[in-house]
């Protein structure tokens, strides 16, 4: 490895857990980098939050905007990219991204939550952000008076229809179950065409127009044309880059200790990613803070700081001069 300064901590994920971690690590003096495919995570999909302490009612997007700005105000850096590999060499973590970049850090906090579930069709990745979206509430307004395809189910499908129908000229609603409850709701919108029981087999683009190939249980094939395609199929954990370093339970969650530590020293995890039974924003934020304070203590120990942060309400700890850390 070359002689270069590393980050004190890299936080993977910019949802409520990751950004809450960043507020604490950066405010306490750690050089902090956040790497995430988006900013806000699942909360950007929530139209109104009424149970976050100190806030009467606020959209998820607005809440995450405030938390992001708070983290940045303390010096946290944010890079939009996807982590694909994690390694630890000589006490330093090496993080590789899909964009081909390599970053190094003394500690890592995995707070990547759950990612939108993909269709699983060929060339899907190539169209992301180029007319293919996994967030109706984020990108719906860009398709005013245009034709769109919505692939979803249940309450999520209903929410997507309620947003898209008043905006788009036509909405083609595809759901894999013939008996999904959202199909009956969809029929109430005059500009919505339903395709119950169909699944998507191919997604391609001719110029600026999408061609979406469908097949129904009887084998009938249909092709739809649209200006944009929305996929709302829920979320899943995507942690292949973490699996060799952590213990994972039957739900695909990362198992952590009470300080949000994993089985690898210096690697912490927080948010919906971990084996916490309740998936709530305030809980995710709190685990992010626990992971952050644990990371601060770990980095201070590595750098030779003689005192650690207290775990109670005692007097604020005065820290000694840190050693520089270079590779």
C-alpha atoms as a PDB file:
ATOM      1  CA  UNK A   1       0.000   0.000   0.000  1.00  0.00           C
ATOM      2  CA  UNK A   2       1.179   3.523  -0.760  1.00  0.00           C
ATOM      3  CA  UNK A   3       1.953   6.217   1.776  1.00  0.00           C
ATOM      4  CA  UNK A   4      -1.334   8.019   1.980  1.00  0.00           C
ATOM      5  CA  UNK A   5      -3.616   9.244   4.717  1.00  0.00           C
ATOM      6  CA  UNK A   6      -6.705   7.136   5.321  1.00  0.00           C
ATOM      7  CA  UNK A   7     -10.141   8.119   6.564  1.00  0.00           C
ATOM      8  CA  UNK A   8     -10.819   7.548  10.225  1.00  0.00           C
ATOM      9  CA  UNK A   9     -14.120   5.940   9.323  1.00  0.00           C
ATOM     10  CA  UNK A  10     -16.044   5.024   6.209  1.00  0.00           C
ATOM     11  CA  UNK A  11     -19.798   4.757   6.586  1.00  0.00           C
ATOM     12  CA  UNK A  12     -21.528   2.600   3.995  1.00  0.00           C
ATOM     13  CA  UNK A  13     -25.060   3.884   3.502  1.00  0.00           C
ATOM     14  CA  UNK A  14     -26.695   7.303   3.765  1.00  0.00           C
ATOM     15  CA  UNK A  15     -30.028   6.444   5.339  1.00  0.00           C
ATOM     16  CA  UNK A  16     -31.034   7.588   8.802  1.00  0.00           C
ATOM     17  CA  UNK A  17     -28.570   5.196  10.476  1.00  0.00           C
ATOM     18  CA  UNK A  18     -25.592   6.119   8.322  1.00  0.00           C
ATOM     19  CA  UNK A  19     -26.179   9.872   8.468  1.00  0.00           C
ATOM     20  CA  UNK A  20     -26.763   9.758  12.230  1.00  0.00           C
ATOM     21  CA  UNK A  21     -23.438   7.915  12.546  1.00  0.00           C
ATOM     22  CA  UNK A  22     -21.761  10.605  10.453  1.00  0.00           C
ATOM     23  CA  UNK A  23     -23.076  13.418  12.653  1.00  0.00           C
ATOM     24  CA  UNK A  24     -21.367  11.872  15.667  1.00  0.00           C
ATOM     25  CA  UNK A  25     -18.111  10.677  14.076  1.00  0.00           C
ATOM     26  CA  UNK A  26     -17.466  13.952  12.239  1.00  0.00           C
ATOM     27  CA  UNK A  27     -18.526  16.132  15.196  1.00  0.00           C
ATOM     28  CA  UNK A  28     -16.103  14.198  17.416  1.00  0.00           C
ATOM     29  CA  UNK A  29     -13.253  14.882  15.025  1.00  0.00           C
ATOM     30  CA  UNK A  30     -13.068  11.766  12.875  1.00  0.00           C
ATOM     31  CA  UNK A  31     -12.339  12.214   9.182  1.00  0.00           C
ATOM     32  CA  UNK A  32     -15.560  10.683   7.848  1.00  0.00           C
ATOM     33  CA  UNK A  33     -16.560   9.479   4.394  1.00  0.00           C
ATOM     34  CA  UNK A  34     -20.063   8.249   3.519  1.00  0.00           C
ATOM     35  CA  UNK A  35     -20.455   6.019   0.461  1.00  0.00           C
ATOM     36  CA  UNK A  36     -23.994   5.286  -0.680  1.00  0.00           C
ATOM     37  CA  UNK A  37     -26.044   4.610  -3.809  1.00  0.00           C
ATOM     38  CA  UNK A  38     -28.480   7.307  -2.687  1.00  0.00           C
ATOM     39  CA  UNK A  39     -29.089   9.761   0.132  1.00  0.00           C
ATOM     40  CA  UNK A  40     -32.029   9.148   2.432  1.00  0.00           C
ATOM     41  CA  UNK A  41     -32.633   5.453   1.905  1.00  0.00           C
ATOM     42  CA  UNK A  42     -36.063   4.018   2.652  1.00  0.00           C
ATOM     43  CA  UNK A  43     -37.288   7.132   4.468  1.00  0.00           C
ATOM     44  CA  UNK A  44     -37.403   9.100   1.213  1.00  0.00           C
ATOM     45  CA  UNK A  45     -40.347   6.857   0.296  1.00  0.00           C
ATOM     46  CA  UNK A  46     -42.381   7.942   3.348  1.00  0.00           C
ATOM     47  CA  UNK A  47     -44.817  10.774   2.716  1.00  0.00           C
ATOM     48  CA  UNK A  48     -45.279  11.711   6.389  1.00  0.00           C
ATOM     49  CA  UNK A  49     -43.450  10.837   9.614  1.00  0.00           C
ATOM     50  CA  UNK A  50     -45.329  11.614  12.816  1.00  0.00           C
ATOM     51  CA  UNK A  51     -43.494   9.533  15.415  1.00  0.00           C
ATOM     52  CA  UNK A  52     -39.937  10.836  15.225  1.00  0.00           C
ATOM     53  CA  UNK A  53     -39.088  12.541  18.572  1.00  0.00           C
ATOM     54  CA  UNK A  54     -39.249  16.309  18.449  1.00  0.00           C
ATOM     55  CA  UNK A  55     -40.995  16.431  15.070  1.00  0.00           C
ATOM     56  CA  UNK A  56     -44.779  16.675  14.829  1.00  0.00           C
ATOM     57  CA  UNK A  57     -44.998  15.759  11.135  1.00  0.00           C
ATOM     58  CA  UNK A  58     -42.503  15.832   8.289  1.00  0.00           C
ATOM     59  CA  UNK A  59     -41.997  13.985   5.033  1.00  0.00           C
ATOM     60  CA  UNK A  60     -39.227  11.410   4.997  1.00  0.00           C
ATOM     61  CA  UNK A  61     -37.468  13.331   2.259  1.00  0.00           C
ATOM     62  CA  UNK A  62     -37.449  16.556   4.276  1.00  0.00           C
ATOM     63  CA  UNK A  63     -36.215  14.784   7.396  1.00  0.00           C
ATOM     64  CA  UNK A  64     -33.338  13.147   5.536  1.00  0.00           C
ATOM     65  CA  UNK A  65     -32.448  16.459   3.868  1.00  0.00           C
ATOM     66  CA  UNK A  66     -32.065  18.035   7.311  1.00  0.00           C
ATOM     67  CA  UNK A  67     -30.013  15.134   8.689  1.00  0.00           C
ATOM     68  CA  UNK A  68     -27.781  15.120   5.618  1.00  0.00           C
ATOM     69  CA  UNK A  69     -27.086  18.843   5.971  1.00  0.00           C
ATOM     70  CA  UNK A  70     -26.315  18.378   9.651  1.00  0.00           C
ATOM     71  CA  UNK A  71     -23.749  15.650   8.897  1.00  0.00           C
ATOM     72  CA  UNK A  72     -22.147  17.767   6.174  1.00  0.00           C
ATOM     73  CA  UNK A  73     -21.983  20.803   8.469  1.00  0.00           C
ATOM     74  CA  UNK A  74     -19.602  18.866  10.733  1.00  0.00           C
ATOM     75  CA  UNK A  75     -17.378  17.922   7.812  1.00  0.00           C
ATOM     76  CA  UNK A  76     -18.661  14.535   6.664  1.00  0.00           C
ATOM     77  CA  UNK A  77     -18.036  13.838   2.967  1.00  0.00           C
ATOM     78  CA  UNK A  78     -20.629  12.034   0.828  1.00  0.00           C
ATOM     79  CA  UNK A  79     -19.883  10.091  -2.363  1.00  0.00           C
ATOM     80  CA  UNK A  80     -22.632   8.503  -4.454  1.00  0.00           C
ATOM     81  CA  UNK A  81     -21.398   5.044  -5.436  1.00  0.00           C
ATOM     82  CA  UNK A  82     -21.987   1.394  -4.545  1.00  0.00           C
ATOM     83  CA  UNK A  83     -19.595  -0.627  -2.379  1.00  0.00           C
ATOM     84  CA  UNK A  84     -18.812  -3.976  -3.975  1.00  0.00           C
ATOM     85  CA  UNK A  85     -15.861  -5.221  -1.920  1.00  0.00           C
ATOM     86  CA  UNK A  86     -14.439  -4.871   1.564  1.00  0.00           C
ATOM     87  CA  UNK A  87     -11.097  -6.167   2.804  1.00  0.00           C
ATOM     88  CA  UNK A  88      -8.835  -5.612   5.797  1.00  0.00           C
ATOM     89  CA  UNK A  89      -5.064  -5.537   5.416  1.00  0.00           C
ATOM     90  CA  UNK A  90      -2.599  -4.746   8.196  1.00  0.00           C
ATOM     91  CA  UNK A  91      -5.337  -3.202  10.333  1.00  0.00           C
ATOM     92  CA  UNK A  92      -6.708  -0.970   7.589  1.00  0.00           C
ATOM     93  CA  UNK A  93      -9.967  -1.477   5.700  1.00  0.00           C
ATOM     94  CA  UNK A  94      -9.937  -1.228   1.911  1.00  0.00           C
ATOM     95  CA  UNK A  95     -13.294  -0.371   0.327  1.00  0.00           C
ATOM     96  CA  UNK A  96     -13.862  -0.792  -3.412  1.00  0.00           C
ATOM     97  CA  UNK A  97     -16.811   0.688  -5.294  1.00  0.00           C
ATOM     98  CA  UNK A  98     -18.701  -0.138  -8.440  1.00  0.00           C
ATOM     99  CA  UNK A  99     -17.371   3.100  -9.922  1.00  0.00           C
ATOM    100  CA  UNK A 100     -13.834   1.739  -9.723  1.00  0.00           C
ATOM    101  CA  UNK A 101     -12.678   3.818  -6.771  1.00  0.00           C
ATOM    102  CA  UNK A 102     -10.703   2.569  -3.761  1.00  0.00           C
ATOM    103  CA  UNK A 103     -10.871   4.120  -0.295  1.00  0.00           C
ATOM    104  CA  UNK A 104      -9.135   3.213   2.955  1.00  0.00           C
ATOM    105  CA  UNK A 105     -10.128   3.662   6.572  1.00  0.00           C
ATOM    106  CA  UNK A 106      -9.244   2.688  10.112  1.00  0.00           C
ATOM    107  CA  UNK A 107     -12.871   1.735  10.833  1.00  0.00           C
ATOM    108  CA  UNK A 108     -16.007   0.954   8.862  1.00  0.00           C
ATOM    109  CA  UNK A 109     -19.675   1.321   9.790  1.00  0.00           C
ATOM    110  CA  UNK A 110     -22.003  -0.723   7.584  1.00  0.00           C
ATOM    111  CA  UNK A 111     -25.384   1.037   7.545  1.00  0.00           C
ATOM    112  CA  UNK A 112     -26.582   0.183   4.048  1.00  0.00           C
ATOM    113  CA  UNK A 113     -30.005  -0.979   5.209  1.00  0.00           C
ATOM    114  CA  UNK A 114     -32.092  -2.593   2.525  1.00  0.00           C
ATOM    115  CA  UNK A 115     -31.908  -1.870  -1.189  1.00  0.00           C
ATOM    116  CA  UNK A 116     -34.828  -1.781  -3.641  1.00  0.00           C
ATOM    117  CA  UNK A 117     -35.614  -5.249  -4.976  1.00  0.00           C
ATOM    118  CA  UNK A 118     -34.670  -5.530  -8.645  1.00  0.00           C
ATOM    119  CA  UNK A 119     -36.635  -7.100 -11.498  1.00  0.00           C
ATOM    120  CA  UNK A 120     -33.786  -9.457 -12.262  1.00  0.00           C
ATOM    121  CA  UNK A 121     -33.937  -9.041 -16.046  1.00  0.00           C
ATOM    122  CA  UNK A 122     -31.028  -8.640 -18.437  1.00  0.00           C
ATOM    123  CA  UNK A 123     -29.540  -5.143 -18.828  1.00  0.00           C
ATOM    124  CA  UNK A 124     -31.568  -3.811 -15.884  1.00  0.00           C
ATOM    125  CA  UNK A 125     -28.532  -2.118 -14.323  1.00  0.00           C
ATOM    126  CA  UNK A 126     -27.809  -0.250 -17.551  1.00  0.00           C
ATOM    127  CA  UNK A 127     -31.151   1.602 -17.431  1.00  0.00           C
ATOM    128  CA  UNK A 128     -31.091   2.679 -13.777  1.00  0.00           C
ATOM    129  CA  UNK A 129     -31.313   6.454 -13.592  1.00  0.00           C
ATOM    130  CA  UNK A 130     -31.990   6.642 -17.310  1.00  0.00           C
ATOM    131  CA  UNK A 131     -35.740   6.225 -17.195  1.00  0.00           C
ATOM    132  CA  UNK A 132     -35.819   3.242 -14.839  1.00  0.00           C
ATOM    133  CA  UNK A 133     -36.614   4.264 -11.256  1.00  0.00           C
ATOM    134  CA  UNK A 134     -37.229   2.470  -7.969  1.00  0.00           C
ATOM    135  CA  UNK A 135     -38.848   5.484  -6.319  1.00  0.00           C
ATOM    136  CA  UNK A 136     -42.202   6.806  -7.561  1.00  0.00           C
ATOM    137  CA  UNK A 137     -42.328   9.611  -5.012  1.00  0.00           C
ATOM    138  CA  UNK A 138     -38.833  10.764  -6.042  1.00  0.00           C
ATOM    139  CA  UNK A 139     -39.113  10.606  -9.833  1.00  0.00           C
ATOM    140  CA  UNK A 140     -42.847  10.563 -10.590  1.00  0.00           C
ATOM    141  CA  UNK A 141     -43.068  14.341 -11.155  1.00  0.00           C
ATOM    142  CA  UNK A 142     -40.624  14.045 -14.077  1.00  0.00           C
ATOM    143  CA  UNK A 143     -43.219  12.089 -16.082  1.00  0.00           C
ATOM    144  CA  UNK A 144     -46.057  14.567 -16.232  1.00  0.00           C
ATOM    145  CA  UNK A 145     -48.204  13.902 -19.344  1.00  0.00           C
ATOM    146  CA  UNK A 146     -46.048  10.909 -20.295  1.00  0.00           C
ATOM    147  CA  UNK A 147     -46.633   7.156 -20.514  1.00  0.00           C
ATOM    148  CA  UNK A 148     -45.220   5.053 -17.696  1.00  0.00           C
ATOM    149  CA  UNK A 149     -45.122   1.432 -16.561  1.00  0.00           C
ATOM    150  CA  UNK A 150     -45.476   0.662 -12.856  1.00  0.00           C
ATOM    151  CA  UNK A 151     -44.437  -2.801 -11.660  1.00  0.00           C
ATOM    152  CA  UNK A 152     -45.557  -3.333  -8.082  1.00  0.00           C
ATOM    153  CA  UNK A 153     -48.111  -4.962  -5.749  1.00  0.00           C
ATOM    154  CA  UNK A 154     -50.204  -4.392  -2.635  1.00  0.00           C
ATOM    155  CA  UNK A 155     -50.154  -1.127  -0.720  1.00  0.00           C
ATOM    156  CA  UNK A 156     -46.951  -0.061  -2.423  1.00  0.00           C
ATOM    157  CA  UNK A 157     -48.674  -0.415  -5.779  1.00  0.00           C
ATOM    158  CA  UNK A 158     -51.664   1.618  -4.608  1.00  0.00           C
ATOM    159  CA  UNK A 159     -49.380   4.401  -3.366  1.00  0.00           C
ATOM    160  CA  UNK A 160     -47.567   4.428  -6.691  1.00  0.00           C
ATOM    161  CA  UNK A 161     -50.832   4.632  -8.634  1.00  0.00           C
ATOM    162  CA  UNK A 162     -52.101   7.486  -6.497  1.00  0.00           C
ATOM    163  CA  UNK A 163     -48.958   9.473  -7.315  1.00  0.00           C
ATOM    164  CA  UNK A 164     -48.597   8.571 -10.995  1.00  0.00           C
ATOM    165  CA  UNK A 165     -52.193   8.599 -12.199  1.00  0.00           C
ATOM    166  CA  UNK A 166     -52.748  12.371 -11.758  1.00  0.00           C
ATOM    167  CA  UNK A 167     -49.391  13.079 -13.424  1.00  0.00           C
ATOM    168  CA  UNK A 168     -48.970  10.654 -16.313  1.00  0.00           C
ATOM    169  CA  UNK A 169     -51.083  10.469 -19.458  1.00  0.00           C
ATOM    170  CA  UNK A 170     -51.159   6.643 -19.180  1.00  0.00           C
ATOM    171  CA  UNK A 171     -50.104   4.216 -16.479  1.00  0.00           C
ATOM    172  CA  UNK A 172     -49.597   0.537 -17.312  1.00  0.00           C
ATOM    173  CA  UNK A 173     -49.800  -1.332 -14.011  1.00  0.00           C
ATOM    174  CA  UNK A 174     -48.132  -4.750 -13.883  1.00  0.00           C
ATOM    175  CA  UNK A 175     -48.469  -7.046 -10.896  1.00  0.00           C
ATOM    176  CA  UNK A 176     -47.482 -10.706 -10.726  1.00  0.00           C
ATOM    177  CA  UNK A 177     -50.626 -11.892  -8.935  1.00  0.00           C
ATOM    178  CA  UNK A 178     -54.019 -12.032 -10.643  1.00  0.00           C
ATOM    179  CA  UNK A 179     -55.670 -11.587  -7.274  1.00  0.00           C
ATOM    180  CA  UNK A 180     -53.601  -8.768  -5.824  1.00  0.00           C
ATOM    181  CA  UNK A 181     -55.809  -6.308  -3.926  1.00  0.00           C
ATOM    182  CA  UNK A 182     -54.226  -3.353  -5.711  1.00  0.00           C
ATOM    183  CA  UNK A 183     -55.708  -4.432  -9.056  1.00  0.00           C
ATOM    184  CA  UNK A 184     -59.243  -3.482  -7.997  1.00  0.00           C
ATOM    185  CA  UNK A 185     -58.005  -0.110  -6.800  1.00  0.00           C
ATOM    186  CA  UNK A 186     -56.182   0.420 -10.088  1.00  0.00           C
ATOM    187  CA  UNK A 187     -59.429   0.021 -12.022  1.00  0.00           C
ATOM    188  CA  UNK A 188     -60.784   3.174 -10.375  1.00  0.00           C
ATOM    189  CA  UNK A 189     -58.276   5.323 -12.279  1.00  0.00           C
ATOM    190  CA  UNK A 190     -59.425   6.135 -15.798  1.00  0.00           C
ATOM    191  CA  UNK A 191     -55.914   6.318 -17.269  1.00  0.00           C
ATOM    192  CA  UNK A 192     -54.583   3.107 -15.687  1.00  0.00           C
ATOM    193  CA  UNK A 193     -54.360  -0.163 -17.654  1.00  0.00           C
ATOM    194  CA  UNK A 194     -53.893  -3.311 -15.567  1.00  0.00           C
ATOM    195  CA  UNK A 195     -51.911  -6.470 -16.274  1.00  0.00           C
ATOM    196  CA  UNK A 196     -52.620  -8.827 -13.359  1.00  0.00           C
ATOM    197  CA  UNK A 197     -50.634 -12.053 -13.270  1.00  0.00           C
ATOM    198  CA  UNK A 198     -48.002 -10.838 -15.727  1.00  0.00           C
ATOM    199  CA  UNK A 199     -44.250 -10.746 -15.156  1.00  0.00           C
ATOM    200  CA  UNK A 200     -41.556  -8.795 -16.945  1.00  0.00           C
ATOM    201  CA  UNK A 201     -39.229 -10.885 -19.123  1.00  0.00           C
ATOM    202  CA  UNK A 202     -37.264  -8.175 -20.902  1.00  0.00           C
ATOM    203  CA  UNK A 203     -36.551  -4.487 -20.622  1.00  0.00           C
ATOM    204  CA  UNK A 204     -35.019  -2.597 -23.528  1.00  0.00           C
ATOM    205  CA  UNK A 205     -34.848   0.893 -24.916  1.00  0.00           C
ATOM    206  CA  UNK A 206     -35.227   2.169 -28.461  1.00  0.00           C
ATOM    207  CA  UNK A 207     -34.105   5.772 -28.514  1.00  0.00           C
ATOM    208  CA  UNK A 208     -35.976   7.409 -25.664  1.00  0.00           C
ATOM    209  CA  UNK A 209     -38.772   4.828 -25.529  1.00  0.00           C
ATOM    210  CA  UNK A 210     -38.805   1.777 -23.258  1.00  0.00           C
ATOM    211  CA  UNK A 211     -40.075  -1.553 -24.511  1.00  0.00           C
ATOM    212  CA  UNK A 212     -41.284  -3.776 -21.689  1.00  0.00           C
ATOM    213  CA  UNK A 213     -41.946  -7.412 -22.579  1.00  0.00           C
ATOM    214  CA  UNK A 214     -44.502  -9.264 -20.459  1.00  0.00           C
ATOM    215  CA  UNK A 215     -45.765 -12.818 -20.203  1.00  0.00           C
ATOM    216  CA  UNK A 216     -48.870 -14.067 -18.379  1.00  0.00           C
ATOM    217  CA  UNK A 217     -49.360 -17.485 -16.687  1.00  0.00           C
ATOM    218  CA  UNK A 218     -50.906 -18.867 -19.876  1.00  0.00           C
ATOM    219  CA  UNK A 219     -47.847 -17.924 -21.911  1.00  0.00           C
ATOM    220  CA  UNK A 220     -49.361 -14.940 -23.703  1.00  0.00           C
ATOM    221  CA  UNK A 221     -46.768 -12.301 -24.572  1.00  0.00           C
ATOM    222  CA  UNK A 222     -47.318  -8.563 -24.641  1.00  0.00           C
ATOM    223  CA  UNK A 223     -45.061  -5.582 -25.288  1.00  0.00           C
ATOM    224  CA  UNK A 224     -45.607  -2.185 -23.684  1.00  0.00           C
ATOM    225  CA  UNK A 225     -44.032   1.099 -24.731  1.00  0.00           C
ATOM    226  CA  UNK A 226     -43.417   3.861 -22.213  1.00  0.00           C
ATOM    227  CA  UNK A 227     -41.330   6.912 -21.449  1.00  0.00           C
ATOM    228  CA  UNK A 228     -40.443   5.681 -17.981  1.00  0.00           C
ATOM    229  CA  UNK A 229     -40.531   2.502 -15.893  1.00  0.00           C
ATOM    230  CA  UNK A 230     -41.079   2.363 -12.132  1.00  0.00           C
ATOM    231  CA  UNK A 231     -40.294  -0.721 -10.043  1.00  0.00           C
ATOM    232  CA  UNK A 232     -41.706  -0.854  -6.508  1.00  0.00           C
ATOM    233  CA  UNK A 233     -41.174  -4.426  -5.280  1.00  0.00           C
ATOM    234  CA  UNK A 234     -40.023  -3.795  -1.732  1.00  0.00           C
ATOM    235  CA  UNK A 235     -36.538  -4.052  -0.291  1.00  0.00           C
ATOM    236  CA  UNK A 236     -33.845  -6.650   0.359  1.00  0.00           C
ATOM    237  CA  UNK A 237     -30.461  -6.733   2.052  1.00  0.00           C
ATOM    238  CA  UNK A 238     -27.556  -6.766  -0.399  1.00  0.00           C
ATOM    239  CA  UNK A 239     -24.491  -7.511   1.687  1.00  0.00           C
ATOM    240  CA  UNK A 240     -22.366  -9.923  -0.344  1.00  0.00           C
ATOM    241  CA  UNK A 241     -19.341  -7.706   0.266  1.00  0.00           C
ATOM    242  CA  UNK A 242     -19.851  -8.112   4.038  1.00  0.00           C
ATOM    243  CA  UNK A 243     -20.620 -11.802   4.407  1.00  0.00           C
ATOM    244  CA  UNK A 244     -17.065 -13.058   4.903  1.00  0.00           C
ATOM    245  CA  UNK A 245     -16.609 -10.664   7.840  1.00  0.00           C
ATOM    246  CA  UNK A 246     -19.908 -10.887   9.709  1.00  0.00           C
ATOM    247  CA  UNK A 247     -22.360 -13.362  11.136  1.00  0.00           C
ATOM    248  CA  UNK A 248     -25.728 -13.344   9.332  1.00  0.00           C
ATOM    249  CA  UNK A 249     -28.970 -14.725  10.757  1.00  0.00           C
ATOM    250  CA  UNK A 250     -31.764 -16.566   8.963  1.00  0.00           C
ATOM    251  CA  UNK A 251     -33.375 -13.247   7.952  1.00  0.00           C
ATOM    252  CA  UNK A 252     -30.223 -12.034   6.246  1.00  0.00           C
ATOM    253  CA  UNK A 253     -29.529  -9.529   9.040  1.00  0.00           C
ATOM    254  CA  UNK A 254     -26.053  -8.847  10.413  1.00  0.00           C
ATOM    255  CA  UNK A 255     -25.605 -10.055  13.997  1.00  0.00           C
ATOM    256  CA  UNK A 256     -23.976  -7.456  16.255  1.00  0.00           C
ATOM    257  CA  UNK A 257     -23.095  -7.023  19.914  1.00  0.00           C
ATOM    258  CA  UNK A 258     -24.498  -4.391  22.254  1.00  0.00           C
ATOM    259  CA  UNK A 259     -21.989  -1.830  20.959  1.00  0.00           C
ATOM    260  CA  UNK A 260     -22.951  -2.610  17.339  1.00  0.00           C
ATOM    261  CA  UNK A 261     -19.641  -4.409  16.861  1.00  0.00           C
ATOM    262  CA  UNK A 262     -19.231  -7.343  14.471  1.00  0.00           C
ATOM    263  CA  UNK A 263     -16.810 -10.233  14.804  1.00  0.00           C
ATOM    264  CA  UNK A 264     -14.105  -8.204  13.021  1.00  0.00           C
ATOM    265  CA  UNK A 265     -12.385  -5.535  15.098  1.00  0.00           C
ATOM    266  CA  UNK A 266     -13.079  -2.063  13.722  1.00  0.00           C
ATOM    267  CA  UNK A 267     -16.103  -3.125  11.693  1.00  0.00           C
ATOM    268  CA  UNK A 268     -19.474  -2.013  13.032  1.00  0.00           C
ATOM    269  CA  UNK A 269     -23.031  -2.260  11.692  1.00  0.00           C
ATOM    270  CA  UNK A 270     -26.228  -0.300  12.298  1.00  0.00           C
ATOM    271  CA  UNK A 271     -29.764   0.379  11.121  1.00  0.00           C
ATOM    272  CA  UNK A 272     -32.169  -1.996   9.411  1.00  0.00           C
ATOM    273  CA  UNK A 273     -29.166  -4.090   8.395  1.00  0.00           C
ATOM    274  CA  UNK A 274     -28.705  -5.514  11.908  1.00  0.00           C
ATOM    275  CA  UNK A 275     -30.626  -8.065  13.966  1.00  0.00           C
ATOM    276  CA  UNK A 276     -32.852  -5.520  15.677  1.00  0.00           C
ATOM    277  CA  UNK A 277     -36.480  -6.724  15.971  1.00  0.00           C
ATOM    278  CA  UNK A 278     -38.089  -3.321  15.429  1.00  0.00           C
ATOM    279  CA  UNK A 279     -37.511  -1.456  12.166  1.00  0.00           C
ATOM    280  CA  UNK A 280     -38.211   2.164  13.036  1.00  0.00           C
ATOM    281  CA  UNK A 281     -36.404   5.340  11.991  1.00  0.00           C
ATOM    282  CA  UNK A 282     -35.603   6.422  15.537  1.00  0.00           C
ATOM    283  CA  UNK A 283     -34.219   2.962  16.366  1.00  0.00           C
ATOM    284  CA  UNK A 284     -32.102   2.898  13.217  1.00  0.00           C
ATOM    285  CA  UNK A 285     -30.766   6.350  14.097  1.00  0.00           C
ATOM    286  CA  UNK A 286     -29.933   5.265  17.639  1.00  0.00           C
ATOM    287  CA  UNK A 287     -27.994   2.197  16.478  1.00  0.00           C
ATOM    288  CA  UNK A 288     -26.148   4.481  14.074  1.00  0.00           C
ATOM    289  CA  UNK A 289     -25.074   6.621  17.022  1.00  0.00           C
ATOM    290  CA  UNK A 290     -24.007   3.564  19.040  1.00  0.00           C
ATOM    291  CA  UNK A 291     -21.905   2.343  16.111  1.00  0.00           C
ATOM    292  CA  UNK A 292     -20.411   5.833  15.714  1.00  0.00           C
ATOM    293  CA  UNK A 293     -19.351   6.110  19.353  1.00  0.00           C
ATOM    294  CA  UNK A 294     -17.881   2.609  19.187  1.00  0.00           C
ATOM    295  CA  UNK A 295     -15.971   3.580  16.057  1.00  0.00           C
ATOM    296  CA  UNK A 296     -14.656   6.740  17.759  1.00  0.00           C
ATOM    297  CA  UNK A 297     -13.329   4.703  20.677  1.00  0.00           C
ATOM    298  CA  UNK A 298     -11.767   2.167  18.318  1.00  0.00           C
ATOM    299  CA  UNK A 299     -10.054   4.824  16.181  1.00  0.00           C
ATOM    300  CA  UNK A 300      -8.815   6.648  19.290  1.00  0.00           C
ATOM    301  CA  UNK A 301      -7.321   3.395  20.581  1.00  0.00           C
ATOM    302  CA  UNK A 302      -5.578   2.745  17.265  1.00  0.00           C
ATOM    303  CA  UNK A 303      -4.199   6.301  17.227  1.00  0.00           C
ATOM    304  CA  UNK A 304      -2.972   6.074  20.800  1.00  0.00           C
ATOM    305  CA  UNK A 305      -5.486   8.312  22.530  1.00  0.00           C
ATOM    306  CA  UNK A 306      -5.275   7.344  26.192  1.00  0.00           C
ATOM    307  CA  UNK A 307      -8.876   8.024  27.184  1.00  0.00           C
ATOM    308  CA  UNK A 308     -12.084   6.801  25.584  1.00  0.00           C
ATOM    309  CA  UNK A 309     -15.580   8.236  25.494  1.00  0.00           C
ATOM    310  CA  UNK A 310     -17.631   7.479  28.573  1.00  0.00           C
ATOM    311  CA  UNK A 311     -20.696   5.321  28.242  1.00  0.00           C
ATOM    312  CA  UNK A 312     -22.715   7.160  30.872  1.00  0.00           C
ATOM    313  CA  UNK A 313     -23.764  10.711  31.809  1.00  0.00           C
ATOM    314  CA  UNK A 314     -20.437  11.541  33.443  1.00  0.00           C
ATOM    315  CA  UNK A 315     -18.101  14.444  32.861  1.00  0.00           C
ATOM    316  CA  UNK A 316     -17.036  15.039  29.257  1.00  0.00           C
ATOM    317  CA  UNK A 317     -13.820  13.184  28.485  1.00  0.00           C
ATOM    318  CA  UNK A 318     -10.732  15.221  27.637  1.00  0.00           C
ATOM    319  CA  UNK A 319      -8.668  13.428  25.001  1.00  0.00           C
ATOM    320  CA  UNK A 320      -4.923  13.575  24.523  1.00  0.00           C
ATOM    321  CA  UNK A 321      -3.099  14.414  21.320  1.00  0.00           C
ATOM    322  CA  UNK A 322      -3.665  11.899  18.541  1.00  0.00           C
ATOM    323  CA  UNK A 323      -0.939  10.231  16.525  1.00  0.00           C
ATOM    324  CA  UNK A 324      -1.111  10.652  12.755  1.00  0.00           C
ATOM    325  CA  UNK A 325      -2.093   7.536  10.858  1.00  0.00           C
ATOM    326  CA  UNK A 326      -0.510   6.813   7.516  1.00  0.00           C
ATOM    327  CA  UNK A 327       0.000   3.712   5.428  1.00  0.00           C
END
